[in-house]
């Protein structure tokens, strides 16, 4: 059987990334726990200072239903200026700098006309006093700006009226200078002057009225702008603050931890999935062994799985005519335990099972002494893909055939296939019998029987060893 044509590898494999993040759950859970603890400690060690809140009703001359909050944003920007802060500090007779005082209060637009002030201070009384002074200062500044604008407009009307009166005086002088007994031309000029005089008199009267109205200002704006909610202290609960800070710290810690785990997983490129490890080494995954936990039932389950895999290895080694090496990468104790269990199941005087390592700084020239064929015991996520390629290349250069890989501590959610359909067909084959190549040049199909576990089923993701050959019946034996 041959596999499909190789597909181009994606730049970012989502399944590989998720497996890496799941495998490094201790890292991002530690970050989340650290954020949780730091948030709780921050709430205890740095409690929220007393905060006073007040609400103001701000009336604008140009209020429109479709304003969109631009006038309120302007008021908030004016509130957070050093001019307002300095005036408030002067009213409180404090020597604090306006820049520092600006950091202790903020304004929030509740509606287009309601402004909420929040002021922090060392004590409750100080917070209320500062909030009251800030509200009074801002209202006074708002009214002052309205009065200043009204006064400027009134002065502009007065200046226009003065210019009109000066022109009216010149026209009166021109009319007085005309002789009484004149001809038709003089009569036309007088008519024009009298018309201009009447127009100027009406304009002067209108400008005087507008100047008086402008001087009055906008009384509805001045009267409407006021404090609608007196300053009061915001209730502060240490337990609620600790819970809020802890939740925020937990979320931030998990976000940072997940980001670090994802980025480090992509950068380090340490295969976790069966498919990736099988492809990197160039040999199929014949079995997998979960890591033994610290709890008793997990240790017993791991021992049962190790004994079962040791039986598979013993059957595999028993079919080989030469010694077989058990080479570990990142799991020396597990490989040693597997070797002991497999050796105990081998017949005395039978094949030899050598144990070695292919970790960095390995003496490669000593490995052929352990056996011409090898089974690799690899811990998932331990070695980078480059080192797995190096191991496969070095073993191939030494003439050591890799029968298969025993994967230790695999990802529980790994559903990938660890079989190499287009790789070397050497797994679980006898050493003295070469592969038989069909005449059509295609690779032969390897058919394996499942491994029975106490007659109750089969383990998923594990390939068995070749069962021992049955002895041929004696042709001379009589049939009963």
Foldseek 3Di string as FASTA:
>chain_A
DFDDDDDDDDPDDPVQLVLLLVVVVVQLVVLLVVLLVVLLVCCVVPPDFWKKKFKWFADDPPDDPPPVLPVVVVLQVVLLDLVLQVQLCVVVVDPDHSVVQSVFKGWDDPDSGMIMIMGGDRDFVVNLSSVVSSLVSSLVVSVVVQLVVLLVQLVVLVVVLVVLVVVLVVLVVVLVPQDPDDDPVSVVVNVVSVVSNVVSVVSNVVSVVSSVVSNVTDVCRSVRIDTPGRMDIDDGDSVVSSVVSSVVSSVVSSVVSSVVSSVCCSVQAFAFFLQLLLVLQQFFAAAEAEDQDPDDVSNVVRVLRLLVVLCLVLLLQQLEPAAEEEEEEPCQPSSVVSQVSNVVVHDPPGYHYHYYYLYPPDPLVCVVVRDQEYEYEYEGRRHHSVSSNVSNVSNVVVNYHYQHYYYYNHRPPHPDGRHDSNGDPRHQDYPVDDDDADPVRDDDDDDADFDADVNPDGDPRHTGHDHDDDDDDDPPDDDD
